[in-house]
């Protein structure tokens, strides 16, 4: 990898968790702005939905369910 990337990665690792989240969101938005096809639009919408759900989780509006429980419920519904 380039020295420039290594420098940026080192600087990013020194950021607080909140700053890292803001940086990731800014980078994703920058990438999203350059998309131009239906696949990219679907991906953008899924990222937007994931952000909405994650923000709800961070605000304590929803609780996470362990993957084991989700899979067990799915299996029982498929039987």
N, C-alpha and C. Protein backbone atom coordinates (compact mmCIF):
# COMPACT_ATOMS: atom_id res chain seq x y z
N UNK A 1 0.83 -1.18 0.00
CA UNK A 1 0.00 0.00 0.00
C UNK A 1 0.88 1.24 0.00
N UNK A 2 0.28 2.33 -0.39
CA UNK A 2 1.05 3.55 -0.52
C UNK A 2 1.35 4.16 0.85
N UNK A 3 2.39 4.96 0.87
CA UNK A 3 2.75 5.67 2.09
C UNK A 3 1.62 6.60 2.50
N UNK A 4 0.99 7.23 1.54
CA UNK A 4 -0.12 8.14 1.83
C UNK A 4 -1.26 7.39 2.53
N UNK A 5 -1.59 6.20 2.00
CA UNK A 5 -2.64 5.39 2.64
C UNK A 5 -2.22 5.01 4.05
N UNK A 6 -0.99 4.57 4.22
CA UNK A 6 -0.50 4.17 5.54
C UNK A 6 -0.59 5.33 6.53
N UNK A 7 -0.24 6.53 6.07
CA UNK A 7 -0.34 7.72 6.92
C UNK A 7 -1.79 7.99 7.32
N UNK A 8 -2.70 7.89 6.35
CA UNK A 8 -4.11 8.11 6.64
C UNK A 8 -4.65 7.05 7.60
N UNK A 9 -4.27 5.80 7.38
CA UNK A 9 -4.72 4.72 8.25
C UNK A 9 -4.22 4.93 9.68
N UNK A 10 -2.99 5.35 9.82
CA UNK A 10 -2.42 5.61 11.14
C UNK A 10 -3.17 6.76 11.82
N UNK A 11 -3.45 7.81 11.07
CA UNK A 11 -4.20 8.94 11.63
C UNK A 11 -5.62 8.52 12.02
N UNK A 12 -6.24 7.73 11.17
CA UNK A 12 -7.61 7.28 11.45
C UNK A 12 -7.66 6.42 12.70
N UNK A 13 -6.65 5.60 12.92
CA UNK A 13 -6.65 4.73 14.09
C UNK A 13 -6.57 5.53 15.39
N UNK A 14 -6.09 6.76 15.32
CA UNK A 14 -5.98 7.60 16.51
C UNK A 14 -7.29 8.34 16.83
N UNK A 15 -8.27 8.25 15.93
CA UNK A 15 -9.54 8.93 16.14
C UNK A 15 -10.37 8.21 17.19
N UNK A 16 -11.29 8.96 17.80
CA UNK A 16 -12.23 8.34 18.73
C UNK A 16 -13.21 7.48 17.93
N UNK A 17 -13.95 6.64 18.61
CA UNK A 17 -14.93 5.78 17.94
C UNK A 17 -15.94 6.62 17.16
N UNK A 18 -16.43 7.68 17.78
CA UNK A 18 -17.41 8.55 17.11
C UNK A 18 -16.82 9.20 15.87
N UNK A 19 -15.58 9.65 15.96
CA UNK A 19 -14.92 10.25 14.80
C UNK A 19 -14.72 9.23 13.68
N UNK A 20 -14.40 8.00 14.06
CA UNK A 20 -14.23 6.95 13.06
C UNK A 20 -15.55 6.68 12.33
N UNK A 21 -16.64 6.63 13.09
CA UNK A 21 -17.96 6.42 12.48
C UNK A 21 -18.27 7.55 11.50
N UNK A 22 -17.99 8.78 11.91
CA UNK A 22 -18.24 9.93 11.03
C UNK A 22 -17.38 9.84 9.77
N UNK A 23 -16.13 9.43 9.94
CA UNK A 23 -15.23 9.30 8.79
C UNK A 23 -15.73 8.23 7.83
N UNK A 24 -16.11 7.08 8.36
CA UNK A 24 -16.61 6.00 7.51
C UNK A 24 -17.85 6.45 6.75
N UNK A 25 -18.76 7.12 7.44
CA UNK A 25 -19.97 7.60 6.77
C UNK A 25 -19.63 8.59 5.66
N UNK A 26 -18.68 9.48 5.93
CA UNK A 26 -18.28 10.46 4.91
C UNK A 26 -17.67 9.76 3.70
N UNK A 27 -16.86 8.74 3.94
CA UNK A 27 -16.25 7.99 2.83
C UNK A 27 -17.30 7.23 2.03
N UNK A 28 -18.26 6.62 2.73
CA UNK A 28 -19.32 5.89 2.03
C UNK A 28 -20.16 6.85 1.21
N UNK A 29 -20.50 8.00 1.77
CA UNK A 29 -21.28 8.98 1.02
C UNK A 29 -20.51 9.44 -0.21
N UNK A 30 -19.20 9.61 -0.08
CA UNK A 30 -18.39 10.02 -1.21
C UNK A 30 -18.42 8.96 -2.30
N UNK A 31 -18.32 7.71 -1.91
CA UNK A 31 -18.38 6.61 -2.88
C UNK A 31 -19.76 6.53 -3.49
N UNK A 32 -20.79 6.66 -2.66
CA UNK A 32 -22.18 6.59 -3.14
C UNK A 32 -22.46 7.67 -4.17
N UNK A 33 -21.91 8.85 -3.97
CA UNK A 33 -22.14 9.96 -4.90
C UNK A 33 -21.62 9.66 -6.29
N UNK A 34 -20.64 8.75 -6.37
CA UNK A 34 -20.05 8.45 -7.67
C UNK A 34 -20.72 7.27 -8.37
N UNK A 35 -21.72 6.67 -7.73
CA UNK A 35 -22.38 5.52 -8.35
C UNK A 35 -23.35 5.98 -9.44
N UNK A 36 -23.59 5.08 -10.41
CA UNK A 36 -24.43 5.52 -11.53
C UNK A 36 -25.29 4.42 -12.13
N UNK A 37 -25.48 3.29 -11.43
CA UNK A 37 -26.30 2.22 -11.99
C UNK A 37 -27.29 1.69 -11.00
N UNK A 38 -28.19 0.82 -11.44
CA UNK A 38 -29.22 0.29 -10.55
C UNK A 38 -28.63 -0.52 -9.39
N UNK A 39 -27.55 -1.28 -9.63
CA UNK A 39 -26.93 -2.04 -8.55
C UNK A 39 -26.39 -1.11 -7.47
N UNK A 40 -25.80 -0.02 -7.90
CA UNK A 40 -25.26 0.94 -6.94
C UNK A 40 -26.38 1.61 -6.16
N UNK A 41 -27.51 1.87 -6.84
CA UNK A 41 -28.65 2.49 -6.15
C UNK A 41 -29.20 1.55 -5.09
N UNK A 42 -29.32 0.27 -5.41
CA UNK A 42 -29.79 -0.71 -4.44
C UNK A 42 -28.81 -0.78 -3.26
N UNK A 43 -27.53 -0.82 -3.57
CA UNK A 43 -26.52 -0.86 -2.51
C UNK A 43 -26.60 0.39 -1.64
N UNK A 44 -26.78 1.54 -2.27
CA UNK A 44 -26.90 2.80 -1.52
C UNK A 44 -28.09 2.76 -0.58
N UNK A 45 -29.22 2.24 -1.09
CA UNK A 45 -30.42 2.16 -0.26
C UNK A 45 -30.23 1.20 0.91
N UNK A 46 -29.53 0.09 0.68
CA UNK A 46 -29.26 -0.84 1.78
C UNK A 46 -28.34 -0.21 2.81
N UNK A 47 -27.35 0.54 2.37
CA UNK A 47 -26.46 1.23 3.31
C UNK A 47 -27.27 2.23 4.13
N UNK A 48 -28.15 2.95 3.47
CA UNK A 48 -29.01 3.92 4.17
C UNK A 48 -29.87 3.21 5.21
N UNK A 49 -30.45 2.07 4.85
CA UNK A 49 -31.28 1.30 5.79
C UNK A 49 -30.43 0.77 6.94
N UNK A 50 -29.24 0.29 6.64
CA UNK A 50 -28.35 -0.22 7.70
C UNK A 50 -27.98 0.90 8.67
N UNK A 51 -27.72 2.09 8.14
CA UNK A 51 -27.41 3.23 9.01
C UNK A 51 -28.59 3.56 9.91
N UNK A 52 -29.79 3.56 9.32
CA UNK A 52 -30.99 3.88 10.10
C UNK A 52 -31.16 2.88 11.24
N UNK A 53 -31.00 1.60 10.92
CA UNK A 53 -31.14 0.57 11.94
C UNK A 53 -30.06 0.67 13.00
N UNK A 54 -28.82 0.94 12.58
CA UNK A 54 -27.72 1.06 13.53
C UNK A 54 -27.93 2.26 14.44
N UNK A 55 -28.39 3.37 13.88
CA UNK A 55 -28.66 4.55 14.69
C UNK A 55 -29.76 4.26 15.72
N UNK A 56 -30.81 3.51 15.32
CA UNK A 56 -31.86 3.11 16.27
C UNK A 56 -31.27 2.28 17.40
N UNK A 57 -30.37 1.38 17.04
CA UNK A 57 -29.71 0.54 18.05
C UNK A 57 -28.89 1.41 19.00
N UNK A 58 -28.10 2.33 18.46
CA UNK A 58 -27.27 3.19 19.31
C UNK A 58 -28.10 4.05 20.25
N UNK A 59 -29.28 4.48 19.79
CA UNK A 59 -30.17 5.29 20.63
C UNK A 59 -30.94 4.45 21.63
N UNK A 60 -30.79 3.13 21.57
CA UNK A 60 -31.48 2.25 22.50
C UNK A 60 -32.93 1.99 22.14
N UNK A 61 -33.32 2.31 20.92
CA UNK A 61 -34.70 2.13 20.48
C UNK A 61 -35.01 0.68 20.12
N UNK A 62 -34.00 -0.09 19.81
CA UNK A 62 -34.15 -1.51 19.51
C UNK A 62 -33.02 -2.27 20.20
N UNK A 63 -33.25 -3.55 20.43
CA UNK A 63 -32.22 -4.39 21.04
C UNK A 63 -31.74 -5.42 20.02
N UNK A 64 -30.48 -5.75 20.13
CA UNK A 64 -29.91 -6.77 19.25
C UNK A 64 -30.38 -8.15 19.70
N UNK A 65 -30.52 -9.03 18.74
CA UNK A 65 -30.88 -10.42 19.02
C UNK A 65 -29.70 -11.28 18.58
N UNK A 66 -29.21 -12.15 19.47
CA UNK A 66 -28.07 -13.00 19.10
C UNK A 66 -28.38 -13.82 17.84
N UNK A 67 -27.38 -13.98 17.01
CA UNK A 67 -27.55 -14.71 15.74
C UNK A 67 -28.08 -16.12 15.96
N UNK A 68 -27.65 -16.77 17.04
CA UNK A 68 -28.11 -18.12 17.32
C UNK A 68 -29.63 -18.15 17.48
N UNK A 69 -30.19 -17.14 18.17
CA UNK A 69 -31.64 -17.08 18.36
C UNK A 69 -32.35 -16.82 17.03
N UNK A 70 -31.81 -15.93 16.23
CA UNK A 70 -32.41 -15.62 14.93
C UNK A 70 -32.44 -16.87 14.05
N UNK A 71 -31.31 -17.58 13.99
CA UNK A 71 -31.25 -18.77 13.16
C UNK A 71 -32.17 -19.87 13.67
N UNK A 72 -32.25 -20.04 15.00
CA UNK A 72 -33.14 -21.05 15.57
C UNK A 72 -34.59 -20.74 15.22
N UNK A 73 -34.97 -19.48 15.31
CA UNK A 73 -36.34 -19.07 14.96
C UNK A 73 -36.61 -19.31 13.47
N UNK A 74 -35.66 -18.97 12.63
CA UNK A 74 -35.82 -19.18 11.19
C UNK A 74 -35.98 -20.67 10.88
N UNK A 75 -35.15 -21.49 11.50
CA UNK A 75 -35.24 -22.94 11.27
C UNK A 75 -36.59 -23.49 11.72
N UNK A 76 -37.07 -23.01 12.87
CA UNK A 76 -38.36 -23.52 13.36
C UNK A 76 -39.51 -23.10 12.44
N UNK A 77 -39.42 -21.96 11.83
CA UNK A 77 -40.47 -21.50 10.90
C UNK A 77 -40.43 -22.26 9.58
N UNK A 78 -39.26 -22.75 9.22
CA UNK A 78 -39.13 -23.48 7.95
C UNK A 78 -39.57 -24.94 8.07
N UNK A 79 -39.72 -25.43 9.26
CA UNK A 79 -40.13 -26.84 9.45
C UNK A 79 -41.60 -27.03 9.21
